């Protein structure tokens, strides 16, 4: 869920863990997005990215009474790709390519900004007439240098297309990339990994170590790794090549992200790029009204922050 404020790395609470497989543990900080809050893990002052992942927000869970709810006005992105994944609720996506898609739980929605895209995140009129919940994750991927100016695209993958593999008794969804002998159909630009798993109390799971950089997020519940407690809403940054087995201390939902190491990126507002001057160009273009707005959602937009 994009914000309307200047995006800078947060100075979050971190821990030096006892588990040899864990480099550090991040604890989320709440961000008010107007009407509901998110927990932000990346970027962090001590951990700006994990592989190509440069942004990680946990939205909700939030409950909305009938009436207005999610209402993020059109705003631009460049040189990145976004991934939206919902546990509950729905979001109506519109973009400047003409895409109109209701995002529902279990779907993967990949928006490739490339040289530039504008989108909004709202709700359908039918949803606004009901009491409803919203709960999910939104992540940003930095594109490799050679792909930063690629053509923008919106790719929707229904829940039924996302593979699930049983690892012991644990169902693991391979959302992006490959793990446990299963490959996701979601398009990638660099070696990228994103898994989701639901563990029952006492169940163990050995995490794949097929990518250079990995981070484990506890979306609900709690885990233990080699005597180290990993509480709800924390993110464990794993050491490269280290074998890590976690055990659920209560029923838990986890997400594992990672991928190949990526050079540092400049991040400002909704823009991510390998080139500082590119962010300045994009900011000026938005200020000058040079980005096309989403068809059907052209009456308002988020202004450039001062």
C-alpha atoms as a PDB file:
ATOM      1  CA  UNK A   1       0.000   0.000   0.000  1.00  0.00           C
ATOM      2  CA  UNK A   2       1.757   3.130  -1.148  1.00  0.00           C
ATOM      3  CA  UNK A   3       2.025   6.047   1.249  1.00  0.00           C
ATOM      4  CA  UNK A   4       1.628   9.750   0.689  1.00  0.00           C
ATOM      5  CA  UNK A   5       4.785  10.612   2.603  1.00  0.00           C
ATOM      6  CA  UNK A   6       8.511  10.744   1.956  1.00  0.00           C
ATOM      7  CA  UNK A   7       9.857   7.186   2.275  1.00  0.00           C
ATOM      8  CA  UNK A   8      13.075   6.945   4.261  1.00  0.00           C
ATOM      9  CA  UNK A   9      14.601   3.998   6.136  1.00  0.00           C
ATOM     10  CA  UNK A  10      13.338   3.745   9.699  1.00  0.00           C
ATOM     11  CA  UNK A  11      15.574   3.417  12.724  1.00  0.00           C
ATOM     12  CA  UNK A  12      13.945   0.272  14.095  1.00  0.00           C
ATOM     13  CA  UNK A  13      14.737  -1.843  17.105  1.00  0.00           C
ATOM     14  CA  UNK A  14      17.103  -4.675  16.174  1.00  0.00           C
ATOM     15  CA  UNK A  15      18.550  -7.593  18.109  1.00  0.00           C
ATOM     16  CA  UNK A  16      21.780  -9.571  17.971  1.00  0.00           C
ATOM     17  CA  UNK A  17      20.383 -13.141  17.896  1.00  0.00           C
ATOM     18  CA  UNK A  18      21.666 -16.264  19.602  1.00  0.00           C
ATOM     19  CA  UNK A  19      20.851 -18.513  16.625  1.00  0.00           C
ATOM     20  CA  UNK A  20      23.899 -19.015  14.389  1.00  0.00           C
ATOM     21  CA  UNK A  21      21.767 -18.967  11.229  1.00  0.00           C
ATOM     22  CA  UNK A  22      20.353 -15.487  11.960  1.00  0.00           C
ATOM     23  CA  UNK A  23      22.295 -12.290  11.351  1.00  0.00           C
ATOM     24  CA  UNK A  24      19.843  -9.888  12.986  1.00  0.00           C
ATOM     25  CA  UNK A  25      16.189  -9.555  13.954  1.00  0.00           C
ATOM     26  CA  UNK A  26      14.115  -6.552  12.891  1.00  0.00           C
ATOM     27  CA  UNK A  27      10.999  -5.415  14.729  1.00  0.00           C
ATOM     28  CA  UNK A  28       8.335  -3.580  12.748  1.00  0.00           C
ATOM     29  CA  UNK A  29       7.172  -0.031  13.368  1.00  0.00           C
ATOM     30  CA  UNK A  30       3.631   1.104  12.787  1.00  0.00           C
ATOM     31  CA  UNK A  31       2.873   3.639  10.043  1.00  0.00           C
ATOM     32  CA  UNK A  32      -0.461   5.453   9.878  1.00  0.00           C
ATOM     33  CA  UNK A  33      -1.784   5.552   6.315  1.00  0.00           C
ATOM     34  CA  UNK A  34      -4.984   7.368   7.163  1.00  0.00           C
ATOM     35  CA  UNK A  35      -7.797   5.147   8.370  1.00  0.00           C
ATOM     36  CA  UNK A  36      -5.588   2.161   9.100  1.00  0.00           C
ATOM     37  CA  UNK A  37      -1.975   1.358   9.908  1.00  0.00           C
ATOM     38  CA  UNK A  38       0.753  -0.837   8.445  1.00  0.00           C
ATOM     39  CA  UNK A  39       3.829  -2.443   9.954  1.00  0.00           C
ATOM     40  CA  UNK A  40       6.943  -1.540   7.973  1.00  0.00           C
ATOM     41  CA  UNK A  41      10.016  -3.780   7.987  1.00  0.00           C
ATOM     42  CA  UNK A  42      11.944  -2.609   4.917  1.00  0.00           C
ATOM     43  CA  UNK A  43      13.693  -0.318   4.289  1.00  0.00           C
ATOM     44  CA  UNK A  44      15.409  -0.246   7.681  1.00  0.00           C
ATOM     45  CA  UNK A  45      18.379   1.859   8.736  1.00  0.00           C
ATOM     46  CA  UNK A  46      20.378  -1.331   9.321  1.00  0.00           C
ATOM     47  CA  UNK A  47      18.841  -3.427   6.523  1.00  0.00           C
ATOM     48  CA  UNK A  48      17.911  -1.440   3.425  1.00  0.00           C
ATOM     49  CA  UNK A  49      16.995  -4.476   1.319  1.00  0.00           C
ATOM     50  CA  UNK A  50      16.996  -8.278   1.105  1.00  0.00           C
ATOM     51  CA  UNK A  51      18.035  -9.499  -2.333  1.00  0.00           C
ATOM     52  CA  UNK A  52      15.967  -7.391  -4.762  1.00  0.00           C
ATOM     53  CA  UNK A  53      13.273  -6.648  -2.133  1.00  0.00           C
ATOM     54  CA  UNK A  54      13.541  -2.998  -1.047  1.00  0.00           C
ATOM     55  CA  UNK A  55      10.170  -2.470   0.656  1.00  0.00           C
ATOM     56  CA  UNK A  56       8.031  -4.671   2.912  1.00  0.00           C
ATOM     57  CA  UNK A  57       4.757  -3.570   4.502  1.00  0.00           C
ATOM     58  CA  UNK A  58       2.292  -5.698   6.484  1.00  0.00           C
ATOM     59  CA  UNK A  59      -1.189  -4.151   6.090  1.00  0.00           C
ATOM     60  CA  UNK A  60      -3.724  -4.662   8.860  1.00  0.00           C
ATOM     61  CA  UNK A  61      -5.584  -6.657   9.862  1.00  0.00           C
ATOM     62  CA  UNK A  62      -8.051  -3.791   9.798  1.00  0.00           C
ATOM     63  CA  UNK A  63     -11.828  -3.730   9.865  1.00  0.00           C
ATOM     64  CA  UNK A  64     -13.903  -1.092   8.062  1.00  0.00           C
ATOM     65  CA  UNK A  65     -17.539  -0.236   8.712  1.00  0.00           C
ATOM     66  CA  UNK A  66     -19.783   0.407   5.718  1.00  0.00           C
ATOM     67  CA  UNK A  67     -18.569   3.533   3.932  1.00  0.00           C
ATOM     68  CA  UNK A  68     -15.134   4.704   2.779  1.00  0.00           C
ATOM     69  CA  UNK A  69     -12.172   2.406   3.397  1.00  0.00           C
ATOM     70  CA  UNK A  70      -9.054   1.929   1.287  1.00  0.00           C
ATOM     71  CA  UNK A  71      -8.753   4.996  -0.881  1.00  0.00           C
ATOM     72  CA  UNK A  72      -5.216   5.505  -2.254  1.00  0.00           C
ATOM     73  CA  UNK A  73      -5.335   8.113  -5.010  1.00  0.00           C
ATOM     74  CA  UNK A  74      -3.334   7.764  -8.268  1.00  0.00           C
ATOM     75  CA  UNK A  75       0.430   8.004  -7.743  1.00  0.00           C
ATOM     76  CA  UNK A  76       3.505   7.127  -9.836  1.00  0.00           C
ATOM     77  CA  UNK A  77       6.317   4.566  -9.673  1.00  0.00           C
ATOM     78  CA  UNK A  78       9.496   4.090 -11.718  1.00  0.00           C
ATOM     79  CA  UNK A  79      12.268   1.473 -11.982  1.00  0.00           C
ATOM     80  CA  UNK A  80      10.623  -1.049  -9.638  1.00  0.00           C
ATOM     81  CA  UNK A  81       7.985  -3.771  -9.497  1.00  0.00           C
ATOM     82  CA  UNK A  82       5.344  -4.146  -6.793  1.00  0.00           C
ATOM     83  CA  UNK A  83       3.819  -7.335  -5.408  1.00  0.00           C
ATOM     84  CA  UNK A  84       0.456  -7.187  -3.624  1.00  0.00           C
ATOM     85  CA  UNK A  85      -0.794 -10.243  -1.719  1.00  0.00           C
ATOM     86  CA  UNK A  86      -3.910 -10.355   0.457  1.00  0.00           C
ATOM     87  CA  UNK A  87      -4.831 -12.687   3.314  1.00  0.00           C
ATOM     88  CA  UNK A  88      -8.292 -11.095   3.661  1.00  0.00           C
ATOM     89  CA  UNK A  89     -10.377  -8.503   1.846  1.00  0.00           C
ATOM     90  CA  UNK A  90     -10.021  -7.034  -1.622  1.00  0.00           C
ATOM     91  CA  UNK A  91      -8.474  -4.029  -3.381  1.00  0.00           C
ATOM     92  CA  UNK A  92      -9.535  -2.504  -6.696  1.00  0.00           C
ATOM     93  CA  UNK A  93      -6.428  -1.827  -8.799  1.00  0.00           C
ATOM     94  CA  UNK A  94      -6.426   0.671 -11.676  1.00  0.00           C
ATOM     95  CA  UNK A  95      -3.374   1.814 -13.619  1.00  0.00           C
ATOM     96  CA  UNK A  96      -2.327   4.035 -16.491  1.00  0.00           C
ATOM     97  CA  UNK A  97      -2.122   1.021 -18.832  1.00  0.00           C
ATOM     98  CA  UNK A  98      -5.898   0.638 -18.521  1.00  0.00           C
ATOM     99  CA  UNK A  99      -5.722  -2.345 -16.147  1.00  0.00           C
ATOM    100  CA  UNK A 100      -8.758  -2.791 -13.896  1.00  0.00           C
ATOM    101  CA  UNK A 101      -8.413  -5.734 -11.500  1.00  0.00           C
ATOM    102  CA  UNK A 102      -9.997  -6.682  -8.196  1.00  0.00           C
ATOM    103  CA  UNK A 103      -7.230  -8.214  -6.069  1.00  0.00           C
ATOM    104  CA  UNK A 104      -8.467 -11.021  -3.805  1.00  0.00           C
ATOM    105  CA  UNK A 105      -6.849 -13.311  -1.207  1.00  0.00           C
ATOM    106  CA  UNK A 106      -4.344 -15.786  -2.624  1.00  0.00           C
ATOM    107  CA  UNK A 107      -3.784 -13.929  -5.894  1.00  0.00           C
ATOM    108  CA  UNK A 108      -0.366 -12.563  -6.826  1.00  0.00           C
ATOM    109  CA  UNK A 109      -0.410  -9.192  -8.522  1.00  0.00           C
ATOM    110  CA  UNK A 110       2.828  -8.008 -10.076  1.00  0.00           C
ATOM    111  CA  UNK A 111       2.950  -4.435 -11.315  1.00  0.00           C
ATOM    112  CA  UNK A 112       6.103  -3.633 -13.265  1.00  0.00           C
ATOM    113  CA  UNK A 113       6.689   0.122 -13.200  1.00  0.00           C
ATOM    114  CA  UNK A 114       9.729   0.104 -15.481  1.00  0.00           C
ATOM    115  CA  UNK A 115      10.011   3.501 -17.200  1.00  0.00           C
ATOM    116  CA  UNK A 116       6.878   4.665 -15.392  1.00  0.00           C
ATOM    117  CA  UNK A 117       3.358   3.745 -14.328  1.00  0.00           C
ATOM    118  CA  UNK A 118       0.574   5.369 -12.303  1.00  0.00           C
ATOM    119  CA  UNK A 119      -1.951   3.387 -10.254  1.00  0.00           C
ATOM    120  CA  UNK A 120      -4.624   3.751  -7.616  1.00  0.00           C
ATOM    121  CA  UNK A 121      -5.807   1.357  -4.910  1.00  0.00           C
ATOM    122  CA  UNK A 122      -9.436   1.724  -3.938  1.00  0.00           C
ATOM    123  CA  UNK A 123     -12.550  -0.394  -3.273  1.00  0.00           C
ATOM    124  CA  UNK A 124     -15.537  -1.439  -5.340  1.00  0.00           C
ATOM    125  CA  UNK A 125     -18.879   0.282  -4.578  1.00  0.00           C
ATOM    126  CA  UNK A 126     -20.252  -3.098  -3.435  1.00  0.00           C
ATOM    127  CA  UNK A 127     -17.437  -3.539  -0.904  1.00  0.00           C
ATOM    128  CA  UNK A 128     -18.052  -0.091   0.560  1.00  0.00           C
ATOM    129  CA  UNK A 129     -21.603  -1.090   1.477  1.00  0.00           C
ATOM    130  CA  UNK A 130     -20.444  -3.870   3.814  1.00  0.00           C
ATOM    131  CA  UNK A 131     -18.411  -4.355   6.973  1.00  0.00           C
ATOM    132  CA  UNK A 132     -15.139  -5.813   5.705  1.00  0.00           C
ATOM    133  CA  UNK A 133     -11.553  -6.576   6.667  1.00  0.00           C
ATOM    134  CA  UNK A 134      -8.238  -5.947   4.938  1.00  0.00           C
ATOM    135  CA  UNK A 135      -5.082  -7.895   5.685  1.00  0.00           C
ATOM    136  CA  UNK A 136      -2.077  -8.550   3.492  1.00  0.00           C
ATOM    137  CA  UNK A 137       1.444  -7.729   2.384  1.00  0.00           C
ATOM    138  CA  UNK A 138       2.816  -5.251  -0.104  1.00  0.00           C
ATOM    139  CA  UNK A 139       6.379  -5.509  -1.324  1.00  0.00           C
ATOM    140  CA  UNK A 140       8.581  -3.641  -3.803  1.00  0.00           C
ATOM    141  CA  UNK A 141      11.267  -5.208  -5.978  1.00  0.00           C
ATOM    142  CA  UNK A 142      14.184  -3.259  -7.393  1.00  0.00           C
ATOM    143  CA  UNK A 143      14.631  -4.044 -11.075  1.00  0.00           C
ATOM    144  CA  UNK A 144      18.123  -4.923 -12.359  1.00  0.00           C
ATOM    145  CA  UNK A 145      19.946  -2.039 -14.041  1.00  0.00           C
ATOM    146  CA  UNK A 146      19.233  -3.426 -17.526  1.00  0.00           C
ATOM    147  CA  UNK A 147      15.484  -3.665 -16.815  1.00  0.00           C
ATOM    148  CA  UNK A 148      14.840  -0.429 -14.958  1.00  0.00           C
ATOM    149  CA  UNK A 149      13.426   1.284 -18.065  1.00  0.00           C
ATOM    150  CA  UNK A 150      11.475  -1.716 -19.355  1.00  0.00           C
ATOM    151  CA  UNK A 151       7.915  -1.239 -20.573  1.00  0.00           C
ATOM    152  CA  UNK A 152       5.411  -1.046 -17.702  1.00  0.00           C
ATOM    153  CA  UNK A 153       3.086  -4.022 -17.214  1.00  0.00           C
ATOM    154  CA  UNK A 154       0.463  -5.420 -14.858  1.00  0.00           C
ATOM    155  CA  UNK A 155       0.402  -9.201 -14.417  1.00  0.00           C
ATOM    156  CA  UNK A 156      -2.363 -10.928 -12.447  1.00  0.00           C
ATOM    157  CA  UNK A 157      -1.893 -14.527 -11.268  1.00  0.00           C
ATOM    158  CA  UNK A 158      -5.032 -16.133  -9.779  1.00  0.00           C
ATOM    159  CA  UNK A 159      -4.652 -18.066  -6.554  1.00  0.00           C
ATOM    160  CA  UNK A 160      -5.248 -21.366  -8.379  1.00  0.00           C
ATOM    161  CA  UNK A 161      -2.094 -20.795 -10.462  1.00  0.00           C
ATOM    162  CA  UNK A 162       0.224 -20.464  -7.447  1.00  0.00           C
ATOM    163  CA  UNK A 163       1.734 -23.868  -6.577  1.00  0.00           C
ATOM    164  CA  UNK A 164       1.640 -25.442  -3.119  1.00  0.00           C
ATOM    165  CA  UNK A 165       4.106 -28.113  -2.019  1.00  0.00           C
ATOM    166  CA  UNK A 166       3.943 -30.201   1.166  1.00  0.00           C
ATOM    167  CA  UNK A 167       7.218 -30.040   3.096  1.00  0.00           C
ATOM    168  CA  UNK A 168       6.640 -32.745   5.662  1.00  0.00           C
ATOM    169  CA  UNK A 169       3.209 -31.798   6.980  1.00  0.00           C
ATOM    170  CA  UNK A 170       3.604 -28.095   6.229  1.00  0.00           C
ATOM    171  CA  UNK A 171       1.878 -26.594   3.153  1.00  0.00           C
ATOM    172  CA  UNK A 172       4.201 -24.097   1.474  1.00  0.00           C
ATOM    173  CA  UNK A 173       3.067 -21.775  -1.326  1.00  0.00           C
ATOM    174  CA  UNK A 174       5.833 -20.861  -3.755  1.00  0.00           C
ATOM    175  CA  UNK A 175       4.702 -17.370  -4.696  1.00  0.00           C
ATOM    176  CA  UNK A 176       7.762 -16.155  -6.607  1.00  0.00           C
ATOM    177  CA  UNK A 177      10.834 -18.119  -7.689  1.00  0.00           C
ATOM    178  CA  UNK A 178      11.645 -21.779  -7.024  1.00  0.00           C
ATOM    179  CA  UNK A 179      11.933 -23.857  -3.844  1.00  0.00           C
ATOM    180  CA  UNK A 180      11.436 -27.441  -2.707  1.00  0.00           C
ATOM    181  CA  UNK A 181      11.424 -28.592  -6.340  1.00  0.00           C
ATOM    182  CA  UNK A 182       8.496 -26.331  -7.316  1.00  0.00           C
ATOM    183  CA  UNK A 183       8.548 -23.206  -9.507  1.00  0.00           C
ATOM    184  CA  UNK A 184       6.112 -20.292  -9.475  1.00  0.00           C
ATOM    185  CA  UNK A 185       4.760 -18.934 -12.788  1.00  0.00           C
ATOM    186  CA  UNK A 186       5.238 -15.326 -11.620  1.00  0.00           C
ATOM    187  CA  UNK A 187       7.611 -13.338 -13.833  1.00  0.00           C
ATOM    188  CA  UNK A 188      11.010 -12.446 -12.366  1.00  0.00           C
ATOM    189  CA  UNK A 189      13.806 -10.158 -13.536  1.00  0.00           C
ATOM    190  CA  UNK A 190      16.511 -11.444 -11.164  1.00  0.00           C
ATOM    191  CA  UNK A 191      16.856 -14.470  -8.903  1.00  0.00           C
ATOM    192  CA  UNK A 192      13.959 -13.885  -6.503  1.00  0.00           C
ATOM    193  CA  UNK A 193      12.220 -15.883  -3.775  1.00  0.00           C
ATOM    194  CA  UNK A 194       8.931 -15.383  -1.947  1.00  0.00           C
ATOM    195  CA  UNK A 195       7.273 -18.217  -0.009  1.00  0.00           C
ATOM    196  CA  UNK A 196       4.343 -18.434   2.368  1.00  0.00           C
ATOM    197  CA  UNK A 197       3.698 -21.235   4.856  1.00  0.00           C
ATOM    198  CA  UNK A 198       1.179 -22.033   7.591  1.00  0.00           C
ATOM    199  CA  UNK A 199       2.573 -24.032  10.511  1.00  0.00           C
ATOM    200  CA  UNK A 200       0.656 -25.708  13.306  1.00  0.00           C
ATOM    201  CA  UNK A 201       2.011 -25.585  16.841  1.00  0.00           C
ATOM    202  CA  UNK A 202       5.099 -27.804  17.108  1.00  0.00           C
ATOM    203  CA  UNK A 203       5.637 -28.218  13.366  1.00  0.00           C
ATOM    204  CA  UNK A 204       9.197 -27.703  12.060  1.00  0.00           C
ATOM    205  CA  UNK A 205      10.227 -26.340   8.661  1.00  0.00           C
ATOM    206  CA  UNK A 206      13.717 -26.276   7.175  1.00  0.00           C
ATOM    207  CA  UNK A 207      14.034 -23.149   5.055  1.00  0.00           C
ATOM    208  CA  UNK A 208      15.513 -23.311   1.558  1.00  0.00           C
ATOM    209  CA  UNK A 209      19.006 -21.835   1.108  1.00  0.00           C
ATOM    210  CA  UNK A 210      18.979 -21.582  -2.684  1.00  0.00           C
ATOM    211  CA  UNK A 211      19.405 -17.784  -2.782  1.00  0.00           C
ATOM    212  CA  UNK A 212      22.155 -15.554  -1.412  1.00  0.00           C
ATOM    213  CA  UNK A 213      20.016 -13.315   0.779  1.00  0.00           C
ATOM    214  CA  UNK A 214      16.948 -14.345   2.801  1.00  0.00           C
ATOM    215  CA  UNK A 215      14.623 -12.892   5.426  1.00  0.00           C
ATOM    216  CA  UNK A 216      11.883 -14.651   7.392  1.00  0.00           C
ATOM    217  CA  UNK A 217       8.812 -12.672   8.480  1.00  0.00           C
ATOM    218  CA  UNK A 218       6.357 -13.893  11.120  1.00  0.00           C
ATOM    219  CA  UNK A 219       2.988 -12.533   9.969  1.00  0.00           C
ATOM    220  CA  UNK A 220       1.166 -14.248  12.845  1.00  0.00           C
ATOM    221  CA  UNK A 221       2.035 -16.595  15.684  1.00  0.00           C
ATOM    222  CA  UNK A 222       5.585 -17.249  16.821  1.00  0.00           C
ATOM    223  CA  UNK A 223       8.595 -19.424  16.003  1.00  0.00           C
ATOM    224  CA  UNK A 224      11.748 -20.724  17.575  1.00  0.00           C
ATOM    225  CA  UNK A 225      15.062 -21.278  15.783  1.00  0.00           C
ATOM    226  CA  UNK A 226      17.893 -22.969  17.676  1.00  0.00           C
ATOM    227  CA  UNK A 227      16.603 -21.567  20.972  1.00  0.00           C
ATOM    228  CA  UNK A 228      15.970 -18.091  19.527  1.00  0.00           C
ATOM    229  CA  UNK A 229      12.376 -16.853  19.886  1.00  0.00           C
ATOM    230  CA  UNK A 230      10.985 -15.101  16.818  1.00  0.00           C
ATOM    231  CA  UNK A 231       7.867 -13.174  17.844  1.00  0.00           C
ATOM    232  CA  UNK A 232       4.919 -12.088  15.755  1.00  0.00           C
ATOM    233  CA  UNK A 233       5.662  -9.183  13.371  1.00  0.00           C
ATOM    234  CA  UNK A 234       9.441  -9.673  13.534  1.00  0.00           C
ATOM    235  CA  UNK A 235      11.769 -10.330  10.589  1.00  0.00           C
ATOM    236  CA  UNK A 236      14.858 -12.531  10.915  1.00  0.00           C
ATOM    237  CA  UNK A 237      17.666 -11.718   8.465  1.00  0.00           C
ATOM    238  CA  UNK A 238      19.326 -15.048   7.691  1.00  0.00           C
ATOM    239  CA  UNK A 239      23.019 -15.592   7.070  1.00  0.00           C
ATOM    240  CA  UNK A 240      24.094 -16.545   3.556  1.00  0.00           C
ATOM    241  CA  UNK A 241      24.279 -20.327   3.110  1.00  0.00           C
ATOM    242  CA  UNK A 242      23.272 -21.099   6.695  1.00  0.00           C
ATOM    243  CA  UNK A 243      20.834 -23.965   7.255  1.00  0.00           C
ATOM    244  CA  UNK A 244      17.868 -22.747   9.258  1.00  0.00           C
ATOM    245  CA  UNK A 245      15.080 -24.854  10.748  1.00  0.00           C
ATOM    246  CA  UNK A 246      12.229 -23.121  12.546  1.00  0.00           C
ATOM    247  CA  UNK A 247       9.573 -24.632  14.803  1.00  0.00           C
ATOM    248  CA  UNK A 248       6.185 -23.057  15.453  1.00  0.00           C
ATOM    249  CA  UNK A 249       5.559 -22.285  19.130  1.00  0.00           C
ATOM    250  CA  UNK A 250       1.924 -21.575  18.172  1.00  0.00           C
ATOM    251  CA  UNK A 251      -0.093 -21.711  14.977  1.00  0.00           C
ATOM    252  CA  UNK A 252       1.813 -19.382  12.642  1.00  0.00           C
ATOM    253  CA  UNK A 253       1.836 -17.832   9.189  1.00  0.00           C
ATOM    254  CA  UNK A 254       5.252 -16.953   7.782  1.00  0.00           C
ATOM    255  CA  UNK A 255       6.711 -15.368   4.653  1.00  0.00           C
ATOM    256  CA  UNK A 256      10.232 -15.977   3.372  1.00  0.00           C
ATOM    257  CA  UNK A 257      11.685 -13.446   0.935  1.00  0.00           C
ATOM    258  CA  UNK A 258      15.062 -13.289  -0.719  1.00  0.00           C
ATOM    259  CA  UNK A 259      17.110 -13.435  -3.871  1.00  0.00           C
ATOM    260  CA  UNK A 260      20.411 -12.481  -5.390  1.00  0.00           C
ATOM    261  CA  UNK A 261      22.324  -9.557  -3.946  1.00  0.00           C
ATOM    262  CA  UNK A 262      21.370  -6.306  -5.655  1.00  0.00           C
ATOM    263  CA  UNK A 263      23.442  -3.081  -5.801  1.00  0.00           C
ATOM    264  CA  UNK A 264      22.213  -0.281  -3.598  1.00  0.00           C
ATOM    265  CA  UNK A 265      19.200   1.664  -4.776  1.00  0.00           C
ATOM    266  CA  UNK A 266      18.078   5.228  -4.225  1.00  0.00           C
ATOM    267  CA  UNK A 267      14.586   5.309  -2.709  1.00  0.00           C
ATOM    268  CA  UNK A 268      12.483   8.447  -2.439  1.00  0.00           C
ATOM    269  CA  UNK A 269       8.695   8.591  -2.070  1.00  0.00           C
ATOM    270  CA  UNK A 270       7.336   6.040  -4.590  1.00  0.00           C
ATOM    271  CA  UNK A 271      10.464   6.008  -6.759  1.00  0.00           C
ATOM    272  CA  UNK A 272      13.325   3.478  -6.701  1.00  0.00           C
ATOM    273  CA  UNK A 273      16.331   3.659  -9.023  1.00  0.00           C
ATOM    274  CA  UNK A 274      20.025   2.907  -9.381  1.00  0.00           C
ATOM    275  CA  UNK A 275      20.437   6.543 -10.502  1.00  0.00           C
ATOM    276  CA  UNK A 276      19.752   9.465  -8.204  1.00  0.00           C
ATOM    277  CA  UNK A 277      19.138  11.767 -11.169  1.00  0.00           C
ATOM    278  CA  UNK A 278      16.415   9.407 -12.474  1.00  0.00           C
ATOM    279  CA  UNK A 279      14.424   9.953  -9.286  1.00  0.00           C
ATOM    280  CA  UNK A 280      14.754  13.688  -9.764  1.00  0.00           C
ATOM    281  CA  UNK A 281      13.541  13.370 -13.362  1.00  0.00           C
ATOM    282  CA  UNK A 282      10.536  11.271 -12.301  1.00  0.00           C
ATOM    283  CA  UNK A 283       9.642  13.706  -9.533  1.00  0.00           C
ATOM    284  CA  UNK A 284       9.732  16.644 -11.926  1.00  0.00           C
ATOM    285  CA  UNK A 285       7.671  14.762 -14.516  1.00  0.00           C
ATOM    286  CA  UNK A 286       4.980  14.017 -11.905  1.00  0.00           C
ATOM    287  CA  UNK A 287       4.992  17.631 -10.737  1.00  0.00           C
ATOM    288  CA  UNK A 288       4.625  18.791 -14.364  1.00  0.00           C
ATOM    289  CA  UNK A 289       1.708  16.419 -15.052  1.00  0.00           C
ATOM    290  CA  UNK A 290       3.581  14.342 -17.636  1.00  0.00           C
ATOM    291  CA  UNK A 291       2.514  10.931 -16.302  1.00  0.00           C
ATOM    292  CA  UNK A 292      -0.807   9.636 -17.702  1.00  0.00           C
ATOM    293  CA  UNK A 293      -3.458   8.916 -15.057  1.00  0.00           C
ATOM    294  CA  UNK A 294      -5.472   5.664 -14.852  1.00  0.00           C
ATOM    295  CA  UNK A 295      -8.499   5.697 -17.177  1.00  0.00           C
ATOM    296  CA  UNK A 296     -11.605   6.022 -15.011  1.00  0.00           C
ATOM    297  CA  UNK A 297      -9.661   7.530 -12.107  1.00  0.00           C
ATOM    298  CA  UNK A 298      -8.464  10.871 -13.428  1.00  0.00           C
ATOM    299  CA  UNK A 299     -10.184  13.352 -11.119  1.00  0.00           C
ATOM    300  CA  UNK A 300      -7.547  13.457  -8.366  1.00  0.00           C
ATOM    301  CA  UNK A 301      -4.025  12.326  -7.565  1.00  0.00           C
ATOM    302  CA  UNK A 302      -1.416  12.397  -4.795  1.00  0.00           C
ATOM    303  CA  UNK A 303       0.756  15.514  -5.185  1.00  0.00           C
ATOM    304  CA  UNK A 304       4.537  15.349  -5.024  1.00  0.00           C
ATOM    305  CA  UNK A 305       5.714  15.759  -1.410  1.00  0.00           C
ATOM    306  CA  UNK A 306       7.514  18.991  -0.598  1.00  0.00           C
END
